[in-house]
Structures are given as C-alpha cells and as structure tokens.
Amino acid sequence: NDRIWEDVTISDWAYAGMYLLNNKDEDAKDFDKVNELYDVYKKT
C-alpha cells in the first residue's frame, strides 16, 4: 500500500525482469540457499 496525496495516478505492477543468483559454494545445500530468483516488477 502506498500513501500519497490526491490527483496522483499509480499504474499496476508490470514485469521488468529477473535476477538469478547462484551460490559460489559448490557444497551449498538447500538451507544455504543454493540459488535465488528475483522476479522484478515496476510501476509508475
């Protein structure tokens, strides 16, 4: 939720891209977070 003054238009969230992070530790397990995917969105 945003809180701003009147007469302002806010668009819906729209897909912008993704970041994919791969753990450099080859022995990393699930609990170490082997990888992470950031699904990035934007709005105006």
ModelCIF file with pLDDT and N, C-alpha, C, O atoms, coordinates in Angstrom:
data_MODEL
#
_entry.id   MODEL 
#
_entity.id                         1 
_entity.type                       polymer 
_entity.pdbx_number_of_molecules   1 
#
_entity_poly.entity_id                      1 
_entity_poly.type                           'polypeptide(L)' 
_entity_poly.nstd_linkage                   no 
_entity_poly.nstd_monomer                   no 
_entity_poly.pdbx_seq_one_letter_code       NDRIWEDVTISDWAYAGMYLLNNKDEDAKDFDKVNELYDVYKKT 
_entity_poly.pdbx_seq_one_letter_code_can   NDRIWEDVTISDWAYAGMYLLNNKDEDAKDFDKVNELYDVYKKT 
_entity_poly.pdbx_strand_id                 A 
#
loop_
_entity_poly_seq.entity_id 
_entity_poly_seq.num 
_entity_poly_seq.mon_id 
_entity_poly_seq.hetero 
1 1  ASN n 
1 2  ASP n 
1 3  ARG n 
1 4  ILE n 
1 5  TRP n 
1 6  GLU n 
1 7  ASP n 
1 8  VAL n 
1 9  THR n 
1 10 ILE n 
1 11 SER n 
1 12 ASP n 
1 13 TRP n 
1 14 ALA n 
1 15 TYR n 
1 16 ALA n 
1 17 GLY n 
1 18 MET n 
1 19 TYR n 
1 20 LEU n 
1 21 LEU n 
1 22 ASN n 
1 23 ASN n 
1 24 LYS n 
1 25 ASP n 
1 26 GLU n 
1 27 ASP n 
1 28 ALA n 
1 29 LYS n 
1 30 ASP n 
1 31 PHE n 
1 32 ASP n 
1 33 LYS n 
1 34 VAL n 
1 35 ASN n 
1 36 GLU n 
1 37 LEU n 
1 38 TYR n 
1 39 ASP n 
1 40 VAL n 
1 41 TYR n 
1 42 LYS n 
1 43 LYS n 
1 44 THR n 
#
_struct_asym.id          A 
_struct_asym.entity_id   1 
#
loop_
_ma_qa_metric.id 
_ma_qa_metric.mode 
_ma_qa_metric.name 
_ma_qa_metric.software_group_id 
_ma_qa_metric.type 
1 global pLDDT . pLDDT 
2 local  pLDDT . pLDDT 
#
_ma_qa_metric_global.metric_id      1 
_ma_qa_metric_global.metric_value   91.80 
_ma_qa_metric_global.model_id       1 
_ma_qa_metric_global.ordinal_id     1 
#
loop_
_ma_qa_metric_local.label_asym_id 
_ma_qa_metric_local.label_comp_id 
_ma_qa_metric_local.label_seq_id 
_ma_qa_metric_local.metric_id 
_ma_qa_metric_local.metric_value 
_ma_qa_metric_local.model_id 
_ma_qa_metric_local.ordinal_id 
A ASN 1  2 89.00 1 1  
A ASP 2  2 87.00 1 2  
A ARG 3  2 85.00 1 3  
A ILE 4  2 82.00 1 4  
A TRP 5  2 75.00 1 5  
A GLU 6  2 71.00 1 6  
A ASP 7  2 81.00 1 7  
A VAL 8  2 84.00 1 8  
A THR 9  2 89.00 1 9  
A ILE 10 2 90.00 1 10 
A SER 11 2 93.00 1 11 
A ASP 12 2 94.00 1 12 
A TRP 13 2 96.00 1 13 
A ALA 14 2 97.00 1 14 
A TYR 15 2 97.00 1 15 
A ALA 16 2 97.00 1 16 
A GLY 17 2 97.00 1 17 
A MET 18 2 97.00 1 18 
A TYR 19 2 98.00 1 19 
A LEU 20 2 97.00 1 20 
A LEU 21 2 97.00 1 21 
A ASN 22 2 96.00 1 22 
A ASN 23 2 96.00 1 23 
A LYS 24 2 95.00 1 24 
A ASP 25 2 94.00 1 25 
A GLU 26 2 88.00 1 26 
A ASP 27 2 89.00 1 27 
A ALA 28 2 90.00 1 28 
A LYS 29 2 87.00 1 29 
A ASP 30 2 85.00 1 30 
A PHE 31 2 87.00 1 31 
A ASP 32 2 90.00 1 32 
A LYS 33 2 92.00 1 33 
A VAL 34 2 94.00 1 34 
A ASN 35 2 95.00 1 35 
A GLU 36 2 95.00 1 36 
A LEU 37 2 96.00 1 37 
A TYR 38 2 97.00 1 38 
A ASP 39 2 98.00 1 39 
A VAL 40 2 98.00 1 40 
A TYR 41 2 98.00 1 41 
A LYS 42 2 97.00 1 42 
A LYS 43 2 95.00 1 43 
A THR 44 2 94.00 1 44 
#
loop_
_atom_site.group_PDB 
_atom_site.id 
_atom_site.type_symbol 
_atom_site.label_atom_id 
_atom_site.label_alt_id 
_atom_site.label_comp_id 
_atom_site.label_asym_id 
_atom_site.label_entity_id 
_atom_site.label_seq_id 
_atom_site.pdbx_PDB_ins_code 
_atom_site.Cartn_x 
_atom_site.Cartn_y 
_atom_site.Cartn_z 
_atom_site.occupancy 
_atom_site.B_iso_or_equiv 
_atom_site.pdbx_formal_charge 
_atom_site.auth_seq_id 
_atom_site.auth_comp_id 
_atom_site.auth_asym_id 
_atom_site.auth_atom_id 
_atom_site.pdbx_PDB_model_num 
ATOM 1   N N  . ASN A 1 1  ? 0.836  -1.213  0.000   1.00 89.00 ? 1  ASN A N  1 
ATOM 2   C CA . ASN A 1 1  ? 0.000  0.000   0.000   1.00 89.00 ? 1  ASN A CA 1 
ATOM 3   C C  . ASN A 1 1  ? 0.861  1.250   0.000   1.00 89.00 ? 1  ASN A C  1 
ATOM 4   O O  . ASN A 1 1  ? 1.822  1.362   0.762   1.00 89.00 ? 1  ASN A O  1 
ATOM 5   N N  . ASP A 1 2  ? 0.503  2.184   -0.863  1.00 87.00 ? 2  ASP A N  1 
ATOM 6   C CA . ASP A 1 2  ? 1.161  3.490   -0.907  1.00 87.00 ? 2  ASP A CA 1 
ATOM 7   C C  . ASP A 1 2  ? 0.273  4.522   -0.210  1.00 87.00 ? 2  ASP A C  1 
ATOM 8   O O  . ASP A 1 2  ? -0.946 4.364   -0.133  1.00 87.00 ? 2  ASP A O  1 
ATOM 9   N N  . ARG A 1 3  ? 0.912  5.583   0.296   1.00 85.00 ? 3  ARG A N  1 
ATOM 10  C CA . ARG A 1 3  ? 0.127  6.668   0.873   1.00 85.00 ? 3  ARG A CA 1 
ATOM 11  C C  . ARG A 1 3  ? 0.654  7.997   0.328   1.00 85.00 ? 3  ARG A C  1 
ATOM 12  O O  . ARG A 1 3  ? 1.693  8.505   0.750   1.00 85.00 ? 3  ARG A O  1 
ATOM 13  N N  . ILE A 1 4  ? -0.080 8.516   -0.592  1.00 82.00 ? 4  ILE A N  1 
ATOM 14  C CA . ILE A 1 4  ? 0.308  9.779   -1.205  1.00 82.00 ? 4  ILE A CA 1 
ATOM 15  C C  . ILE A 1 4  ? -0.922 10.665  -1.375  1.00 82.00 ? 4  ILE A C  1 
ATOM 16  O O  . ILE A 1 4  ? -2.050 10.230  -1.142  1.00 82.00 ? 4  ILE A O  1 
ATOM 17  N N  . TRP A 1 5  ? -0.690 11.915  -1.785  1.00 75.00 ? 5  TRP A N  1 
ATOM 18  C CA . TRP A 1 5  ? -1.764 12.884  -1.895  1.00 75.00 ? 5  TRP A CA 1 
ATOM 19  C C  . TRP A 1 5  ? -2.663 12.611  -3.093  1.00 75.00 ? 5  TRP A C  1 
ATOM 20  O O  . TRP A 1 5  ? -2.414 11.718  -3.903  1.00 75.00 ? 5  TRP A O  1 
ATOM 21  N N  . GLU A 1 6  ? -3.704 13.405  -3.170  1.00 71.00 ? 6  GLU A N  1 
ATOM 22  C CA . GLU A 1 6  ? -4.680 13.235  -4.246  1.00 71.00 ? 6  GLU A CA 1 
ATOM 23  C C  . GLU A 1 6  ? -4.124 13.702  -5.578  1.00 71.00 ? 6  GLU A C  1 
ATOM 24  O O  . GLU A 1 6  ? -3.046 14.291  -5.654  1.00 71.00 ? 6  GLU A O  1 
ATOM 25  N N  . ASP A 1 7  ? -4.898 13.419  -6.643  1.00 81.00 ? 7  ASP A N  1 
ATOM 26  C CA . ASP A 1 7  ? -4.546 13.804  -8.016  1.00 81.00 ? 7  ASP A CA 1 
ATOM 27  C C  . ASP A 1 7  ? -3.225 13.168  -8.470  1.00 81.00 ? 7  ASP A C  1 
ATOM 28  O O  . ASP A 1 7  ? -2.462 13.775  -9.221  1.00 81.00 ? 7  ASP A O  1 
ATOM 29  N N  . VAL A 1 8  ? -2.968 11.953  -8.009  1.00 84.00 ? 8  VAL A N  1 
ATOM 30  C CA . VAL A 1 8  ? -1.790 11.205  -8.434  1.00 84.00 ? 8  VAL A CA 1 
ATOM 31  C C  . VAL A 1 8  ? -2.262 9.879   -9.030  1.00 84.00 ? 8  VAL A C  1 
ATOM 32  O O  . VAL A 1 8  ? -3.113 9.200   -8.455  1.00 84.00 ? 8  VAL A O  1 
ATOM 33  N N  . THR A 1 9  ? -1.710 9.520   -10.173 1.00 89.00 ? 9  THR A N  1 
ATOM 34  C CA . THR A 1 9  ? -2.074 8.269   -10.850 1.00 89.00 ? 9  THR A CA 1 
ATOM 35  C C  . THR A 1 9  ? -0.991 7.221   -10.606 1.00 89.00 ? 9  THR A C  1 
ATOM 36  O O  . THR A 1 9  ? 0.194  7.466   -10.832 1.00 89.00 ? 9  THR A O  1 
ATOM 37  N N  . ILE A 1 10 ? -1.417 6.061   -10.145 1.00 90.00 ? 10 ILE A N  1 
ATOM 38  C CA . ILE A 1 10 ? -0.479 4.958   -9.898  1.00 90.00 ? 10 ILE A CA 1 
ATOM 39  C C  . ILE A 1 10 ? -0.853 3.783   -10.802 1.00 90.00 ? 10 ILE A C  1 
ATOM 40  O O  . ILE A 1 10 ? -1.989 3.310   -10.778 1.00 90.00 ? 10 ILE A O  1 
ATOM 41  N N  . SER A 1 11 ? 0.100  3.321   -11.591 1.00 93.00 ? 11 SER A N  1 
ATOM 42  C CA . SER A 1 11 ? -0.167 2.200   -12.502 1.00 93.00 ? 11 SER A CA 1 
ATOM 43  C C  . SER A 1 11 ? -0.105 0.875   -11.750 1.00 93.00 ? 11 SER A C  1 
ATOM 44  O O  . SER A 1 11 ? 0.345  0.816   -10.606 1.00 93.00 ? 11 SER A O  1 
ATOM 45  N N  . ASP A 1 12 ? -0.564 -0.186  -12.409 1.00 94.00 ? 12 ASP A N  1 
ATOM 46  C CA . ASP A 1 12 ? -0.417 -1.529  -11.851 1.00 94.00 ? 12 ASP A CA 1 
ATOM 47  C C  . ASP A 1 12 ? 1.037  -1.982  -11.970 1.00 94.00 ? 12 ASP A C  1 
ATOM 48  O O  . ASP A 1 12 ? 1.800  -1.460  -12.783 1.00 94.00 ? 12 ASP A O  1 
ATOM 49  N N  . TRP A 1 13 ? 1.403  -2.951  -11.153 1.00 96.00 ? 13 TRP A N  1 
ATOM 50  C CA . TRP A 1 13 ? 2.741  -3.521  -11.261 1.00 96.00 ? 13 TRP A CA 1 
ATOM 51  C C  . TRP A 1 13 ? 2.885  -4.245  -12.598 1.00 96.00 ? 13 TRP A C  1 
ATOM 52  O O  . TRP A 1 13 ? 1.972  -4.948  -13.031 1.00 96.00 ? 13 TRP A O  1 
ATOM 53  N N  . ALA A 1 14 ? 4.032  -4.070  -13.246 1.00 97.00 ? 14 ALA A N  1 
ATOM 54  C CA . ALA A 1 14 ? 4.306  -4.712  -14.529 1.00 97.00 ? 14 ALA A CA 1 
ATOM 55  C C  . ALA A 1 14 ? 5.689  -5.359  -14.491 1.00 97.00 ? 14 ALA A C  1 
ATOM 56  O O  . ALA A 1 14 ? 6.607  -4.840  -13.856 1.00 97.00 ? 14 ALA A O  1 
ATOM 57  N N  . TYR A 1 15 ? 5.826  -6.481  -15.165 1.00 97.00 ? 15 TYR A N  1 
ATOM 58  C CA . TYR A 1 15 ? 7.089  -7.223  -15.165 1.00 97.00 ? 15 TYR A CA 1 
ATOM 59  C C  . TYR A 1 15 ? 8.216  -6.384  -15.758 1.00 97.00 ? 15 TYR A C  1 
ATOM 60  O O  . TYR A 1 15 ? 8.057  -5.757  -16.806 1.00 97.00 ? 15 TYR A O  1 
ATOM 61  N N  . ALA A 1 16 ? 9.377  -6.383  -15.058 1.00 97.00 ? 16 ALA A N  1 
ATOM 62  C CA . ALA A 1 16 ? 10.533 -5.621  -15.521 1.00 97.00 ? 16 ALA A CA 1 
ATOM 63  C C  . ALA A 1 16 ? 11.727 -6.506  -15.862 1.00 97.00 ? 16 ALA A C  1 
ATOM 64  O O  . ALA A 1 16 ? 12.542 -6.131  -16.705 1.00 97.00 ? 16 ALA A O  1 
ATOM 65  N N  . GLY A 1 17 ? 11.852 -7.681  -15.222 1.00 97.00 ? 17 GLY A N  1 
ATOM 66  C CA . GLY A 1 17 ? 12.982 -8.570  -15.486 1.00 97.00 ? 17 GLY A CA 1 
ATOM 67  C C  . GLY A 1 17 ? 13.257 -9.458  -14.294 1.00 97.00 ? 17 GLY A C  1 
ATOM 68  O O  . GLY A 1 17 ? 12.486 -9.494  -13.335 1.00 97.00 ? 17 GLY A O  1 
ATOM 69  N N  . MET A 1 18 ? 14.397 -10.194 -14.367 1.00 97.00 ? 18 MET A N  1 
ATOM 70  C CA . MET A 1 18 ? 14.748 -11.113 -13.279 1.00 97.00 ? 18 MET A CA 1 
ATOM 71  C C  . MET A 1 18 ? 16.247 -11.080 -13.012 1.00 97.00 ? 18 MET A C  1 
ATOM 72  O O  . MET A 1 18 ? 17.058 -10.906 -13.921 1.00 97.00 ? 18 MET A O  1 
ATOM 73  N N  . TYR A 1 19 ? 16.588 -11.252 -11.751 1.00 98.00 ? 19 TYR A N  1 
ATOM 74  C CA . TYR A 1 19 ? 17.955 -11.528 -11.336 1.00 98.00 ? 19 TYR A CA 1 
ATOM 75  C C  . TYR A 1 19 ? 18.020 -12.998 -10.918 1.00 98.00 ? 19 TYR A C  1 
ATOM 76  O O  . TYR A 1 19 ? 17.113 -13.506 -10.260 1.00 98.00 ? 19 TYR A O  1 
ATOM 77  N N  . LEU A 1 20 ? 19.105 -13.673 -11.309 1.00 97.00 ? 20 LEU A N  1 
ATOM 78  C CA . LEU A 1 20 ? 19.334 -15.046 -10.875 1.00 97.00 ? 20 LEU A CA 1 
ATOM 79  C C  . LEU A 1 20 ? 20.686 -15.107 -10.184 1.00 97.00 ? 20 LEU A C  1 
ATOM 80  O O  . LEU A 1 20 ? 21.712 -14.804 -10.792 1.00 97.00 ? 20 LEU A O  1 
ATOM 81  N N  . LEU A 1 21 ? 20.688 -15.496 -8.927  1.00 97.00 ? 21 LEU A N  1 
ATOM 82  C CA . LEU A 1 21 ? 21.913 -15.560 -8.136  1.00 97.00 ? 21 LEU A CA 1 
ATOM 83  C C  . LEU A 1 21 ? 22.248 -17.018 -7.836  1.00 97.00 ? 21 LEU A C  1 
ATOM 84  O O  . LEU A 1 21 ? 21.428 -17.743 -7.273  1.00 97.00 ? 21 LEU A O  1 
ATOM 85  N N  . ASN A 1 22 ? 23.465 -17.450 -8.215  1.00 96.00 ? 22 ASN A N  1 
ATOM 86  C CA . ASN A 1 22 ? 23.920 -18.816 -7.977  1.00 96.00 ? 22 ASN A CA 1 
ATOM 87  C C  . ASN A 1 22 ? 25.019 -18.803 -6.921  1.00 96.00 ? 22 ASN A C  1 
ATOM 88  O O  . ASN A 1 22 ? 26.008 -18.080 -7.044  1.00 96.00 ? 22 ASN A O  1 
ATOM 89  N N  . ASN A 1 23 ? 24.833 -19.615 -5.880  1.00 96.00 ? 23 ASN A N  1 
ATOM 90  C CA . ASN A 1 23 ? 25.795 -19.680 -4.784  1.00 96.00 ? 23 ASN A CA 1 
ATOM 91  C C  . ASN A 1 23 ? 27.158 -20.160 -5.305  1.00 96.00 ? 23 ASN A C  1 
ATOM 92  O O  . ASN A 1 23 ? 27.236 -21.158 -6.023  1.00 96.00 ? 23 ASN A O  1 
ATOM 93  N N  . LYS A 1 24 ? 28.222 -19.449 -4.942  1.00 95.00 ? 24 LYS A N  1 
ATOM 94  C CA . LYS A 1 24 ? 29.565 -19.811 -5.381  1.00 95.00 ? 24 LYS A CA 1 
ATOM 95  C C  . LYS A 1 24 ? 30.078 -21.049 -4.654  1.00 95.00 ? 24 LYS A C  1 
ATOM 96  O O  . LYS A 1 24 ? 31.007 -21.702 -5.132  1.00 95.00 ? 24 LYS A O  1 
ATOM 97  N N  . ASP A 1 25 ? 29.493 -21.380 -3.517  1.00 94.00 ? 25 ASP A N  1 
ATOM 98  C CA . ASP A 1 25 ? 29.894 -22.558 -2.749  1.00 94.00 ? 25 ASP A CA 1 
ATOM 99  C C  . ASP A 1 25 ? 29.284 -23.804 -3.393  1.00 94.00 ? 25 ASP A C  1 
ATOM 100 O O  . ASP A 1 25 ? 28.069 -23.997 -3.352  1.00 94.00 ? 25 ASP A O  1 
ATOM 101 N N  . GLU A 1 26 ? 30.127 -24.646 -3.985  1.00 88.00 ? 26 GLU A N  1 
ATOM 102 C CA . GLU A 1 26 ? 29.637 -25.840 -4.678  1.00 88.00 ? 26 GLU A CA 1 
ATOM 103 C C  . GLU A 1 26 ? 29.010 -26.847 -3.721  1.00 88.00 ? 26 GLU A C  1 
ATOM 104 O O  . GLU A 1 26 ? 28.239 -27.706 -4.149  1.00 88.00 ? 26 GLU A O  1 
ATOM 105 N N  . ASP A 1 27 ? 29.327 -26.755 -2.437  1.00 89.00 ? 27 ASP A N  1 
ATOM 106 C CA . ASP A 1 27 ? 28.779 -27.693 -1.455  1.00 89.00 ? 27 ASP A CA 1 
ATOM 107 C C  . ASP A 1 27 ? 27.547 -27.140 -0.746  1.00 89.00 ? 27 ASP A C  1 
ATOM 108 O O  . ASP A 1 27 ? 27.065 -27.731 0.220   1.00 89.00 ? 27 ASP A O  1 
ATOM 109 N N  . ALA A 1 28 ? 27.040 -26.009 -1.224  1.00 90.00 ? 28 ALA A N  1 
ATOM 110 C CA . ALA A 1 28 ? 25.866 -25.397 -0.585  1.00 90.00 ? 28 ALA A CA 1 
ATOM 111 C C  . ALA A 1 28 ? 24.660 -26.315 -0.700  1.00 90.00 ? 28 ALA A C  1 
ATOM 112 O O  . ALA A 1 28 ? 24.452 -26.953 -1.733  1.00 90.00 ? 28 ALA A O  1 
ATOM 113 N N  . LYS A 1 29 ? 23.868 -26.380 0.362   1.00 87.00 ? 29 LYS A N  1 
ATOM 114 C CA . LYS A 1 29 ? 22.656 -27.189 0.380   1.00 87.00 ? 29 LYS A CA 1 
ATOM 115 C C  . LYS A 1 29 ? 21.437 -26.278 0.403   1.00 87.00 ? 29 LYS A C  1 
ATOM 116 O O  . LYS A 1 29 ? 21.553 -25.052 0.397   1.00 87.00 ? 29 LYS A O  1 
ATOM 117 N N  . ASP A 1 30 ? 20.258 -26.911 0.430   1.00 85.00 ? 30 ASP A N  1 
ATOM 118 C CA . ASP A 1 30 ? 19.013 -26.144 0.403   1.00 85.00 ? 30 ASP A CA 1 
ATOM 119 C C  . ASP A 1 30 ? 18.981 -25.054 1.467   1.00 85.00 ? 30 ASP A C  1 
ATOM 120 O O  . ASP A 1 30 ? 18.597 -23.916 1.198   1.00 85.00 ? 30 ASP A O  1 
ATOM 121 N N  . PHE A 1 31 ? 19.393 -25.423 2.687   1.00 87.00 ? 31 PHE A N  1 
ATOM 122 C CA . PHE A 1 31 ? 19.285 -24.453 3.771   1.00 87.00 ? 31 PHE A CA 1 
ATOM 123 C C  . PHE A 1 31 ? 20.292 -23.309 3.626   1.00 87.00 ? 31 PHE A C  1 
ATOM 124 O O  . PHE A 1 31 ? 20.175 -22.292 4.310   1.00 87.00 ? 31 PHE A O  1 
ATOM 125 N N  . ASP A 1 32 ? 21.287 -23.469 2.731   1.00 90.00 ? 32 ASP A N  1 
ATOM 126 C CA . ASP A 1 32 ? 22.253 -22.393 2.480   1.00 90.00 ? 32 ASP A CA 1 
ATOM 127 C C  . ASP A 1 32 ? 21.785 -21.457 1.366   1.00 90.00 ? 32 ASP A C  1 
ATOM 128 O O  . ASP A 1 32 ? 22.453 -20.464 1.076   1.00 90.00 ? 32 ASP A O  1 
ATOM 129 N N  . LYS A 1 33 ? 20.648 -21.758 0.741   1.00 92.00 ? 33 LYS A N  1 
ATOM 130 C CA . LYS A 1 33 ? 20.167 -21.043 -0.444  1.00 92.00 ? 33 LYS A CA 1 
ATOM 131 C C  . LYS A 1 33 ? 21.140 -21.247 -1.612  1.00 92.00 ? 33 LYS A C  1 
ATOM 132 O O  . LYS A 1 33 ? 22.045 -20.444 -1.838  1.00 92.00 ? 33 LYS A O  1 
ATOM 133 N N  . VAL A 1 34 ? 20.928 -22.332 -2.336  1.00 94.00 ? 34 VAL A N  1 
ATOM 134 C CA . VAL A 1 34 ? 21.782 -22.678 -3.468  1.00 94.00 ? 34 VAL A CA 1 
ATOM 135 C C  . VAL A 1 34 ? 21.636 -21.643 -4.573  1.00 94.00 ? 34 VAL A C  1 
ATOM 136 O O  . VAL A 1 34 ? 22.616 -21.263 -5.214  1.00 94.00 ? 34 VAL A O  1 
ATOM 137 N N  . ASN A 1 35 ? 20.408 -21.190 -4.791  1.00 95.00 ? 35 ASN A N  1 
ATOM 138 C CA . ASN A 1 35 ? 20.184 -20.119 -5.769  1.00 95.00 ? 35 ASN A CA 1 
ATOM 139 C C  . ASN A 1 35 ? 19.010 -19.256 -5.319  1.00 95.00 ? 35 ASN A C  1 
ATOM 140 O O  . ASN A 1 35 ? 18.232 -19.648 -4.450  1.00 95.00 ? 35 ASN A O  1 
ATOM 141 N N  . GLU A 1 36 ? 18.895 -18.071 -5.926  1.00 95.00 ? 36 GLU A N  1 
ATOM 142 C CA . GLU A 1 36 ? 17.793 -17.159 -5.640  1.00 95.00 ? 36 GLU A CA 1 
ATOM 143 C C  . GLU A 1 36 ? 17.340 -16.503 -6.931  1.00 95.00 ? 36 GLU A C  1 
ATOM 144 O O  . GLU A 1 36 ? 18.157 -16.028 -7.719  1.00 95.00 ? 36 GLU A O  1 
ATOM 145 N N  . LEU A 1 37 ? 16.044 -16.481 -7.140  1.00 96.00 ? 37 LEU A N  1 
ATOM 146 C CA . LEU A 1 37 ? 15.470 -15.829 -8.313  1.00 96.00 ? 37 LEU A CA 1 
ATOM 147 C C  . LEU A 1 37 ? 14.678 -14.604 -7.855  1.00 96.00 ? 37 LEU A C  1 
ATOM 148 O O  . LEU A 1 37 ? 13.737 -14.723 -7.070  1.00 96.00 ? 37 LEU A O  1 
ATOM 149 N N  . TYR A 1 38 ? 15.065 -13.430 -8.350  1.00 97.00 ? 38 TYR A N  1 
ATOM 150 C CA . TYR A 1 38 ? 14.358 -12.189 -8.026  1.00 97.00 ? 38 TYR A CA 1 
ATOM 151 C C  . TYR A 1 38 ? 13.473 -11.821 -9.220  1.00 97.00 ? 38 TYR A C  1 
ATOM 152 O O  . TYR A 1 38 ? 13.964 -11.465 -10.291 1.00 97.00 ? 38 TYR A O  1 
ATOM 153 N N  . ASP A 1 39 ? 12.173 -11.917 -9.012  1.00 98.00 ? 39 ASP A N  1 
ATOM 154 C CA . ASP A 1 39 ? 11.208 -11.549 -10.052 1.00 98.00 ? 39 ASP A CA 1 
ATOM 155 C C  . ASP A 1 39 ? 10.876 -10.061 -9.847  1.00 98.00 ? 39 ASP A C  1 
ATOM 156 O O  . ASP A 1 39 ? 10.160 -9.702  -8.913  1.00 98.00 ? 39 ASP A O  1 
ATOM 157 N N  . VAL A 1 40 ? 11.401 -9.213  -10.723 1.00 98.00 ? 40 VAL A N  1 
ATOM 158 C CA . VAL A 1 40 ? 11.348 -7.762  -10.532 1.00 98.00 ? 40 VAL A CA 1 
ATOM 159 C C  . VAL A 1 40 ? 10.174 -7.155  -11.302 1.00 98.00 ? 40 VAL A C  1 
ATOM 160 O O  . VAL A 1 40 ? 9.957  -7.465  -12.474 1.00 98.00 ? 40 VAL A O  1 
ATOM 161 N N  . TYR A 1 41 ? 9.423  -6.283  -10.622 1.00 98.00 ? 41 TYR A N  1 
ATOM 162 C CA . TYR A 1 41 ? 8.294  -5.574  -11.234 1.00 98.00 ? 41 TYR A CA 1 
ATOM 163 C C  . TYR A 1 41 ? 8.453  -4.070  -10.991 1.00 98.00 ? 41 TYR A C  1 
ATOM 164 O O  . TYR A 1 41 ? 9.196  -3.642  -10.108 1.00 98.00 ? 41 TYR A O  1 
ATOM 165 N N  . LYS A 1 42 ? 7.747  -3.293  -11.784 1.00 97.00 ? 42 LYS A N  1 
ATOM 166 C CA . LYS A 1 42 ? 7.799  -1.840  -11.634 1.00 97.00 ? 42 LYS A CA 1 
ATOM 167 C C  . LYS A 1 42 ? 6.410  -1.232  -11.834 1.00 97.00 ? 42 LYS A C  1 
ATOM 168 O O  . LYS A 1 42 ? 5.528  -1.853  -12.427 1.00 97.00 ? 42 LYS A O  1 
ATOM 169 N N  . LYS A 1 43 ? 6.235  -0.039  -11.344 1.00 95.00 ? 43 LYS A N  1 
ATOM 170 C CA . LYS A 1 43 ? 5.006  0.718   -11.573 1.00 95.00 ? 43 LYS A CA 1 
ATOM 171 C C  . LYS A 1 43 ? 5.365  2.202   -11.626 1.00 95.00 ? 43 LYS A C  1 
ATOM 172 O O  . LYS A 1 43 ? 6.406  2.608   -11.111 1.00 95.00 ? 43 LYS A O  1 
ATOM 173 N N  . THR A 1 44 ? 4.527  2.992   -12.234 1.00 94.00 ? 44 THR A N  1 
ATOM 174 C CA . THR A 1 44 ? 4.766  4.427   -12.363 1.00 94.00 ? 44 THR A CA 1 
ATOM 175 C C  . THR A 1 44 ? 3.794  5.201   -11.488 1.00 94.00 ? 44 THR A C  1 
ATOM 176 O O  . THR A 1 44 ? 3.834  6.431   -11.458 1.00 94.00 ? 44 THR A O  1 
#
